[in-house]
Amino acid sequence: MTPDASDSLRGRPLYPCGQPLRQLPRPAALVVLGATGSIGRQTLELVTRFPDHWEVVAVAVRSRVAELTDLLTHLAQIQPTAKPPLVAVTDEAAHAKAAVRGDLGGRLLPAGAAALVAAVTAPEHVDCVVNGVVGAVGLAPTIAAAERGVRIALANKESLVVGGELVRAAVRSGGAELLPVDSEHSAIAQCLSGRQPEEIEKLVLTASGGPFRTMPAEKLREVTVQEVLAHPTWNMGPKITVDSATLMNKGLEVIEAHHLFGVPYRDIDVVVHPGSYVHSCVTFRDGAVMAQLGSPDMRVPLMYAMAGEKRWPLAAERLDLLRIGTLCFEPPDLERFVCLRLAREAGEAGGTAPIVLNAANEVAVAALLEGRLRYVDIASVIASTLAAMPQGSVASVTEALAIDAAARREAEASLIRLVRNAT
């Protein structure tokens, strides 16, 4: 391979490639961000399955107070001798509802996005943080966890899309361990177990292709939100499911893989694999290819990250190769999946571009889910926002979040113009 600007990343990936991981105490003090979301619920399933391994010391939710109540009741049952966890509720109205609960006492942290950081920093002791929140709001608590020097099981890919270099610096200075939860990046991490960064030649991320992989292009203008949310293989939250339909999720994962594994963008490929059995592959310098396979179950990569790459017994569905028979792969259609191309271009541009890309996508996806935007117009909102926002470098979390806010305003204005011109 010929060197390029990003080759300087080789040999110093964010993921602790080939390094021994620390042994956490038992039980390990655990913080769960996004506790009532898909990742959070599955994290608590694992805590229930291995109650002697974990003690939940803080949980954070956005607005699901009723589910929070059930969650806290359940935690009291499975960890009866533990101190009740601190509670963060970021939504102001939901926080007010939670505040009237008589049993929370002084455990309810202040409302707002700062509550996520408080959930990481307020407990007396923390060993592991599962960041399962969705969106750029996950960056600040990831930085806080990195600075605290704990293990981070990262499901919030936006932390690396919006602030990859900032997270890298915080992990190094704090002595933290950052392990990916996304099935694709976990697959790569599993393939790299015991290997060194310089042995990597290429990463291959697999994508299911979503629900519209074979739909005639002319019919995409008519798809409903319900059709967008009908993912063929994975059960995920609505935002990630939409991103999987547009393949923006895979584009964000390309940026994430670049930061995690220190591999130049030109050496990160995406292939469509509709069955979702091969979760990703690594090609090594000697030509060997290693892949990680399994049934679609996010508890497997989640436990692998939380446990520090140990394999504990789990009642996950076992992969039956004879039943599968054939593994099929195809290249992504970049005319159909424009978001994948936009994401790769933003990643290669670096600086503010990934922040703008992510912010515009979050605005567009929210508008789709609210019925204000068609599926086919998501890429247009992102492209126009990228074109309108100035390029530059990013020196701090405050700067990154300010760019994020400005990009959201521009994306909303672009969306309004697009809808107005279409009527």
Protein backbone atom coordinates (compact mmCIF):
# COMPACT_ATOMS: atom_id res chain seq x y z
CA MET A 1 0.00 0.00 0.00
CA THR A 2 1.20 3.49 -0.74
CA PRO A 3 1.21 5.88 2.24
CA ASP A 4 -1.39 8.61 2.65
CA ALA A 5 -2.13 11.21 5.33
CA SER A 6 -4.04 8.78 7.51
CA ASP A 7 -1.24 6.18 7.49
CA SER A 8 0.16 8.02 10.50
CA LEU A 9 -2.65 6.39 12.50
CA ARG A 10 -1.19 2.93 11.91
CA GLY A 11 0.35 1.41 15.02
CA ARG A 12 -1.65 3.58 17.45
CA PRO A 13 -5.30 2.58 17.16
CA LEU A 14 -7.89 3.64 19.70
CA TYR A 15 -8.84 0.01 20.28
CA PRO A 16 -6.23 -1.74 22.52
CA CYS A 17 -5.19 -4.10 19.73
CA GLY A 18 -3.03 -6.98 20.95
CA GLN A 19 -2.77 -5.58 24.50
CA PRO A 20 -3.83 -7.44 27.66
CA LEU A 21 -6.95 -5.96 29.24
CA ARG A 22 -7.29 -5.26 32.94
CA GLN A 23 -9.10 -7.66 35.24
CA LEU A 24 -12.15 -5.93 36.71
CA PRO A 25 -13.21 -6.63 40.30
CA ARG A 26 -16.25 -8.77 41.00
CA PRO A 27 -18.73 -7.24 41.17
CA ALA A 28 -17.60 -4.44 38.84
CA ALA A 29 -19.19 -1.01 39.27
CA LEU A 30 -21.26 -0.42 36.13
CA VAL A 31 -22.84 2.73 34.65
CA VAL A 32 -25.51 2.25 31.99
CA LEU A 33 -26.25 5.22 29.72
CA GLY A 34 -29.44 4.83 27.68
CA ALA A 35 -30.71 2.26 30.17
CA THR A 36 -34.22 1.95 28.71
CA GLY A 37 -33.08 1.74 25.08
CA SER A 38 -32.21 -1.39 23.13
CA ILE A 39 -28.57 -1.57 24.29
CA GLY A 40 -29.47 -0.60 27.84
CA ARG A 41 -32.14 -3.27 28.16
CA GLN A 42 -29.79 -5.93 26.85
CA THR A 43 -27.07 -4.73 29.23
CA LEU A 44 -29.44 -5.25 32.13
CA GLU A 45 -30.30 -8.70 30.78
CA LEU A 46 -26.61 -9.54 31.11
CA VAL A 47 -26.48 -8.06 34.62
CA THR A 48 -29.45 -10.28 35.51
CA ARG A 49 -27.70 -13.28 33.95
CA PHE A 50 -24.43 -12.57 35.81
CA PRO A 51 -25.47 -10.72 39.00
CA ASP A 52 -22.22 -11.56 40.81
CA HIS A 53 -20.16 -9.90 38.04
CA TRP A 54 -21.82 -6.47 38.02
CA GLU A 55 -23.22 -3.85 40.37
CA VAL A 56 -25.11 -1.04 38.63
CA VAL A 57 -24.07 2.24 40.30
CA ALA A 58 -25.78 4.69 37.92
CA VAL A 59 -28.34 4.65 35.11
CA ALA A 60 -29.29 7.35 32.62
CA VAL A 61 -32.45 7.64 30.53
CA ARG A 62 -33.91 10.36 28.36
CA SER A 63 -37.62 10.37 29.14
CA ARG A 64 -39.05 6.88 29.81
CA VAL A 65 -39.88 7.38 33.48
CA ALA A 66 -42.36 4.47 33.66
CA GLU A 67 -39.74 2.08 32.30
CA LEU A 68 -37.19 3.63 34.66
CA THR A 69 -39.44 2.73 37.58
CA ASP A 70 -39.61 -0.91 36.48
CA LEU A 71 -35.85 -0.93 35.88
CA LEU A 72 -35.06 0.33 39.38
CA THR A 73 -37.44 -2.19 40.94
CA HIS A 74 -35.74 -4.98 39.02
CA LEU A 75 -32.27 -3.81 40.05
CA ALA A 76 -33.32 -3.76 43.70
CA GLN A 77 -34.34 -7.40 43.34
CA ILE A 78 -31.16 -8.67 41.65
CA GLN A 79 -28.70 -6.62 43.72
CA PRO A 80 -30.50 -6.41 47.11
CA THR A 81 -27.37 -5.66 49.15
CA ALA A 82 -26.02 -2.99 46.79
CA LYS A 83 -26.44 0.73 47.22
CA PRO A 84 -29.29 1.98 44.98
CA PRO A 85 -27.94 3.51 41.75
CA LEU A 86 -27.77 7.19 40.93
CA VAL A 87 -30.37 8.20 38.34
CA ALA A 88 -30.01 10.64 35.44
CA VAL A 89 -33.02 11.81 33.40
CA THR A 90 -32.00 14.21 30.65
CA ASP A 91 -35.43 15.39 29.44
CA GLU A 92 -36.65 18.31 31.58
CA ALA A 93 -40.33 17.32 31.67
CA ALA A 94 -39.53 13.68 32.40
CA HIS A 95 -37.08 14.79 35.08
CA ALA A 96 -39.87 16.73 36.79
CA LYS A 97 -42.00 13.57 36.85
CA ALA A 98 -39.12 11.54 38.25
CA ALA A 99 -38.50 14.18 40.92
CA VAL A 100 -41.89 13.52 42.56
CA ARG A 101 -40.91 9.90 43.23
CA GLY A 102 -40.41 9.60 46.95
CA ASP A 103 -37.88 6.78 46.78
CA LEU A 104 -35.24 8.51 44.65
CA GLY A 105 -34.17 10.84 47.45
CA GLY A 106 -30.82 12.43 46.66
CA ARG A 107 -30.09 9.92 43.89
CA LEU A 108 -31.70 11.96 41.08
CA LEU A 109 -29.04 13.94 39.23
CA PRO A 110 -29.77 17.35 37.62
CA ALA A 111 -31.60 17.33 34.27
CA GLY A 112 -30.20 18.08 30.83
CA ALA A 113 -27.37 16.69 28.74
CA ALA A 114 -24.95 17.33 31.64
CA ALA A 115 -26.75 14.57 33.53
CA LEU A 116 -25.08 12.00 31.28
CA VAL A 117 -21.66 13.26 32.33
CA ALA A 118 -22.78 13.33 35.97
CA ALA A 119 -23.86 9.68 35.74
CA VAL A 120 -20.26 8.84 34.82
CA THR A 121 -18.49 11.17 37.26
CA ALA A 122 -20.78 11.24 40.34
CA PRO A 123 -20.50 7.60 41.54
CA GLU A 124 -17.73 7.07 44.07
CA HIS A 125 -16.31 4.20 42.05
CA VAL A 126 -16.79 3.15 38.39
CA ASP A 127 -15.17 0.24 36.56
CA CYS A 128 -17.16 0.13 33.31
CA VAL A 129 -19.47 2.48 31.39
CA VAL A 130 -21.86 1.16 28.75
CA ASN A 131 -22.67 4.09 26.46
CA GLY A 132 -25.89 3.08 24.72
CA VAL A 133 -27.32 6.54 24.01
CA VAL A 134 -28.03 7.58 20.43
CA GLY A 135 -26.60 10.71 18.81
CA ALA A 136 -23.91 13.33 19.36
CA VAL A 137 -25.11 13.79 22.94
CA GLY A 138 -23.08 10.65 23.70
CA LEU A 139 -19.73 12.37 23.06
CA ALA A 140 -19.40 14.26 26.36
CA PRO A 141 -20.00 11.21 28.61
CA THR A 142 -17.59 9.15 26.49
CA ILE A 143 -14.92 11.79 27.07
CA ALA A 144 -15.77 11.87 30.79
CA ALA A 145 -15.46 8.09 31.04
CA ALA A 146 -12.16 8.16 29.14
CA GLU A 147 -10.76 10.84 31.44
CA ARG A 148 -11.85 8.76 34.45
CA GLY A 149 -9.79 5.88 33.06
CA VAL A 150 -12.50 3.22 33.07
CA ARG A 151 -13.50 0.55 30.57
CA ILE A 152 -15.91 1.95 27.97
CA ALA A 153 -18.25 -0.44 26.16
CA LEU A 154 -19.11 1.92 23.31
CA ALA A 155 -22.35 1.52 21.39
CA ASN A 156 -22.57 5.26 20.69
CA LYS A 157 -20.79 5.46 17.33
CA GLU A 158 -21.42 9.21 17.14
CA SER A 159 -18.76 9.70 19.85
CA LEU A 160 -16.11 8.72 17.31
CA VAL A 161 -17.83 10.28 14.28
CA VAL A 162 -18.17 13.68 15.99
CA GLY A 163 -15.06 13.60 18.18
CA GLY A 164 -12.75 10.77 17.16
CA GLU A 165 -9.49 12.62 17.82
CA LEU A 166 -10.87 14.11 21.04
CA VAL A 167 -11.83 10.67 22.32
CA ARG A 168 -8.44 9.32 21.27
CA ALA A 169 -6.66 11.99 23.32
CA ALA A 170 -8.91 11.44 26.35
CA VAL A 171 -8.45 7.66 26.28
CA ARG A 172 -4.69 8.04 26.18
CA SER A 173 -4.46 10.67 28.90
CA GLY A 174 -6.91 8.87 31.18
CA GLY A 175 -5.60 5.36 30.61
CA ALA A 176 -9.05 4.09 29.67
CA GLU A 177 -9.99 0.95 27.72
CA LEU A 178 -12.41 1.50 24.84
CA LEU A 179 -14.08 -1.59 23.39
CA PRO A 180 -16.66 -1.49 20.58
CA VAL A 181 -20.20 -2.84 20.97
CA ASP A 182 -21.35 -2.45 17.35
CA SER A 183 -21.50 -5.98 15.97
CA GLU A 184 -19.26 -5.09 13.01
CA HIS A 185 -16.50 -3.51 15.07
CA SER A 186 -16.75 -6.19 17.72
CA ALA A 187 -16.30 -8.75 14.93
CA ILE A 188 -13.13 -6.98 13.80
CA ALA A 189 -11.88 -6.78 17.39
CA GLN A 190 -12.47 -10.51 17.79
CA CYS A 191 -10.54 -11.21 14.58
CA LEU A 192 -7.68 -9.05 15.87
CA SER A 193 -7.40 -10.82 19.22
CA GLY A 194 -3.68 -11.29 19.86
CA ARG A 195 -2.69 -9.51 16.64
CA GLN A 196 -0.81 -6.25 16.10
CA PRO A 197 -2.05 -3.21 14.10
CA GLU A 198 0.73 -3.49 11.53
CA GLU A 199 -0.53 -6.94 10.51
CA ILE A 200 -3.78 -5.48 9.12
CA GLU A 201 -4.12 -4.96 5.37
CA LYS A 202 -7.85 -4.30 5.01
CA LEU A 203 -11.06 -4.20 7.03
CA VAL A 204 -14.34 -5.38 5.50
CA LEU A 205 -17.57 -4.17 7.13
CA THR A 206 -20.69 -6.12 6.22
CA ALA A 207 -24.11 -4.54 5.73
CA SER A 208 -27.49 -6.26 5.51
CA GLY A 209 -28.63 -3.84 2.81
CA GLY A 210 -31.76 -3.01 4.81
CA PRO A 211 -35.35 -3.42 3.64
CA PHE A 212 -34.94 -1.63 0.28
CA ARG A 213 -31.91 -3.41 -1.18
CA THR A 214 -33.89 -4.84 -4.11
CA MET A 215 -36.86 -2.46 -4.27
CA PRO A 216 -37.16 -0.70 -7.67
CA ALA A 217 -35.75 2.81 -7.36
CA GLU A 218 -38.98 4.45 -8.56
CA LYS A 219 -40.88 2.93 -5.62
CA LEU A 220 -38.56 4.36 -2.98
CA ARG A 221 -40.42 7.67 -3.16
CA GLU A 222 -43.52 5.95 -1.84
CA VAL A 223 -42.13 4.00 1.13
CA THR A 224 -43.73 4.57 4.53
CA VAL A 225 -42.06 5.05 7.89
CA GLN A 226 -43.36 1.61 8.88
CA GLU A 227 -41.59 0.06 5.89
CA VAL A 228 -38.38 1.91 6.74
CA LEU A 229 -38.50 0.54 10.30
CA ALA A 230 -39.02 -3.07 9.16
CA HIS A 231 -35.39 -4.21 9.29
CA PRO A 232 -34.97 -7.71 7.83
CA THR A 233 -32.53 -9.12 10.41
CA TRP A 234 -31.85 -6.87 13.41
CA ASN A 235 -34.17 -5.52 16.14
CA MET A 236 -32.90 -2.01 16.96
CA GLY A 237 -34.11 1.43 17.96
CA PRO A 238 -35.87 3.61 15.34
CA LYS A 239 -32.97 5.96 14.58
CA ILE A 240 -30.45 3.18 13.97
CA THR A 241 -33.03 1.24 11.96
CA VAL A 242 -33.54 4.21 9.63
CA ASP A 243 -29.77 4.60 9.30
CA SER A 244 -29.56 0.92 8.36
CA ALA A 245 -32.15 1.44 5.62
CA THR A 246 -30.17 4.35 4.10
CA LEU A 247 -26.80 2.67 4.83
CA MET A 248 -25.79 5.82 6.72
CA ASN A 249 -25.23 3.47 9.64
CA LYS A 250 -22.55 1.72 7.61
CA GLY A 251 -21.04 5.05 6.60
CA LEU A 252 -20.79 6.10 10.24
CA GLU A 253 -19.24 2.70 10.98
CA VAL A 254 -16.54 3.32 8.35
CA ILE A 255 -15.57 6.50 10.22
CA GLU A 256 -15.76 4.66 13.54
CA ALA A 257 -13.54 1.83 12.22
CA HIS A 258 -10.98 4.35 10.99
CA HIS A 259 -10.58 5.75 14.51
CA LEU A 260 -10.91 2.45 16.36
CA PHE A 261 -8.39 0.44 14.38
CA GLY A 262 -6.11 3.10 12.87
CA VAL A 263 -6.75 2.03 9.27
CA PRO A 264 -6.83 4.52 6.33
CA TYR A 265 -10.22 4.98 4.70
CA ARG A 266 -9.08 3.48 1.42
CA ASP A 267 -8.42 0.19 3.29
CA ILE A 268 -11.92 -0.04 4.76
CA ASP A 269 -14.43 -1.74 2.45
CA VAL A 270 -18.18 -2.25 2.76
CA VAL A 271 -19.93 -5.29 1.29
CA VAL A 272 -23.63 -6.12 1.41
CA HIS A 273 -24.34 -9.44 3.10
CA PRO A 274 -28.14 -9.84 3.38
CA GLY A 275 -28.05 -12.76 5.81
CA SER A 276 -26.14 -10.80 8.50
CA TYR A 277 -24.28 -13.96 9.57
CA VAL A 278 -20.77 -12.70 8.77
CA HIS A 279 -20.46 -9.66 10.99
CA SER A 280 -17.19 -8.38 9.47
CA CYS A 281 -13.79 -9.54 8.23
CA VAL A 282 -10.11 -8.64 8.42
CA THR A 283 -7.62 -9.26 5.62
CA PHE A 284 -4.07 -9.62 6.92
CA ARG A 285 -0.81 -8.77 5.21
CA ASP A 286 -0.11 -12.41 4.33
CA GLY A 287 -3.44 -12.70 2.48
CA ALA A 288 -5.28 -14.60 5.23
CA VAL A 289 -8.87 -13.47 5.84
CA MET A 290 -10.52 -13.90 9.23
CA ALA A 291 -14.26 -13.42 9.74
CA GLN A 292 -16.50 -13.54 12.79
CA LEU A 293 -19.86 -15.25 12.30
CA GLY A 294 -22.90 -15.61 14.51
CA SER A 295 -26.65 -15.22 14.71
CA PRO A 296 -27.83 -11.60 15.02
CA ASP A 297 -27.79 -11.01 18.81
CA MET A 298 -26.37 -7.78 20.23
CA ARG A 299 -25.85 -9.38 23.64
CA VAL A 300 -22.84 -11.26 22.26
CA PRO A 301 -20.72 -8.20 21.28
CA LEU A 302 -22.04 -6.31 24.31
CA MET A 303 -20.88 -9.00 26.73
CA TYR A 304 -17.55 -9.35 24.89
CA ALA A 305 -16.87 -5.64 25.49
CA MET A 306 -18.15 -5.50 29.08
CA ALA A 307 -16.26 -8.64 30.10
CA GLY A 308 -13.00 -7.47 28.58
CA GLU A 309 -13.03 -9.96 25.69
CA LYS A 310 -13.89 -12.93 27.85
CA ARG A 311 -16.54 -15.42 26.74
CA TRP A 312 -19.13 -16.28 29.36
CA PRO A 313 -21.97 -18.78 28.78
CA LEU A 314 -24.89 -17.16 26.98
CA ALA A 315 -28.11 -18.64 25.64
CA ALA A 316 -27.70 -16.97 22.25
CA GLU A 317 -28.99 -18.73 19.14
CA ARG A 318 -26.27 -20.96 17.72
CA LEU A 319 -25.39 -20.56 14.06
CA ASP A 320 -26.41 -23.58 11.96
CA LEU A 321 -24.16 -23.56 8.90
CA LEU A 322 -26.03 -26.43 7.27
CA ARG A 323 -29.30 -24.53 7.53
CA ILE A 324 -27.73 -21.39 6.05
CA GLY A 325 -26.11 -23.31 3.23
CA THR A 326 -24.74 -20.36 1.24
CA LEU A 327 -23.22 -17.02 2.23
CA CYS A 328 -23.94 -14.28 -0.32
CA PHE A 329 -22.13 -10.97 -0.79
CA GLU A 330 -22.55 -8.07 -3.21
CA PRO A 331 -21.21 -4.53 -3.61
CA PRO A 332 -23.30 -1.65 -2.23
CA ASP A 333 -25.22 0.38 -4.81
CA LEU A 334 -23.93 3.91 -4.18
CA GLU A 335 -26.61 5.44 -6.41
CA ARG A 336 -29.29 3.85 -4.23
CA PHE A 337 -27.38 4.37 -0.96
CA VAL A 338 -26.10 7.94 -1.38
CA CYS A 339 -25.66 8.31 2.39
CA LEU A 340 -22.87 5.75 2.41
CA ARG A 341 -20.93 7.76 -0.17
CA LEU A 342 -21.54 11.03 1.71
CA ALA A 343 -20.30 9.50 4.95
CA ARG A 344 -17.08 8.18 3.43
CA GLU A 345 -16.39 11.54 1.79
CA ALA A 346 -17.01 13.36 5.08
CA GLY A 347 -14.71 10.98 6.93
CA GLU A 348 -11.93 11.46 4.38
CA ALA A 349 -12.36 15.25 4.58
CA GLY A 350 -12.09 15.12 8.38
CA GLY A 351 -12.31 18.17 10.62
CA THR A 352 -15.84 19.52 10.88
CA ALA A 353 -17.27 17.44 8.02
CA PRO A 354 -18.17 14.31 10.05
CA ILE A 355 -19.83 16.51 12.69
CA VAL A 356 -21.95 18.22 10.03
CA LEU A 357 -22.77 14.90 8.38
CA ASN A 358 -23.97 13.38 11.64
CA ALA A 359 -25.97 16.43 12.73
CA ALA A 360 -27.74 16.74 9.38
CA ASN A 361 -28.53 13.03 9.39
CA GLU A 362 -30.01 13.21 12.90
CA VAL A 363 -32.23 16.14 11.86
CA ALA A 364 -33.34 14.37 8.68
CA VAL A 365 -34.07 11.07 10.43
CA ALA A 366 -36.08 12.83 13.14
CA ALA A 367 -38.09 14.62 10.44
CA LEU A 368 -38.78 11.31 8.69
CA LEU A 369 -40.00 9.72 11.93
CA GLU A 370 -42.22 12.77 12.55
CA GLY A 371 -43.72 12.49 9.05
CA ARG A 372 -42.15 15.75 7.83
CA LEU A 373 -39.71 14.27 5.30
CA ARG A 374 -39.70 11.46 2.75
CA TYR A 375 -37.18 8.65 2.98
CA VAL A 376 -35.66 9.57 -0.41
CA ASP A 377 -34.99 13.14 0.74
CA ILE A 378 -32.73 12.26 3.68
CA ALA A 379 -29.59 12.29 1.52
CA SER A 380 -30.55 15.62 -0.05
CA VAL A 381 -30.79 17.32 3.34
CA ILE A 382 -27.39 15.93 4.33
CA ALA A 383 -25.70 16.90 1.06
CA SER A 384 -27.04 20.46 1.10
CA THR A 385 -26.01 20.92 4.74
CA LEU A 386 -22.49 19.70 4.02
CA ALA A 387 -22.26 22.09 1.08
CA ALA A 388 -23.46 25.05 3.15
CA MET A 389 -21.28 24.62 6.24
CA PRO A 390 -17.65 25.86 6.26
CA GLN A 391 -14.80 23.37 6.70
CA GLY A 392 -12.34 23.61 9.56
CA SER A 393 -10.60 21.81 12.38
CA VAL A 394 -11.99 20.92 15.82
CA ALA A 395 -9.98 21.55 19.00
CA SER A 396 -12.40 20.80 21.86
CA VAL A 397 -15.69 19.18 22.83
CA THR A 398 -17.22 22.65 23.22
CA GLU A 399 -16.18 23.49 19.66
CA ALA A 400 -17.51 20.20 18.33
CA LEU A 401 -20.89 20.68 20.00
CA ALA A 402 -21.11 24.28 18.74
CA ILE A 403 -20.52 23.05 15.17
CA ASP A 404 -23.08 20.32 15.76
CA ALA A 405 -25.68 22.91 16.86
CA ALA A 406 -24.97 25.17 13.86
CA ALA A 407 -25.21 22.21 11.46
CA ARG A 408 -28.57 21.23 12.96
CA ARG A 409 -29.93 24.73 12.33
CA GLU A 410 -28.67 24.63 8.75
CA ALA A 411 -30.11 21.14 8.21
CA GLU A 412 -33.51 22.24 9.49
CA ALA A 413 -33.44 25.25 7.14
CA SER A 414 -32.43 22.98 4.26
CA LEU A 415 -35.25 20.60 5.11
CA ILE A 416 -37.81 23.41 5.12
CA ARG A 417 -36.58 24.68 1.75
CA LEU A 418 -36.69 21.20 0.27
CA VAL A 419 -40.25 20.55 1.46
CA ARG A 420 -41.42 23.99 0.32
CA ASN A 421 -39.98 23.49 -3.16
CA ALA A 422 -41.63 20.08 -3.44
CA THR A 423 -45.13 21.45 -2.78
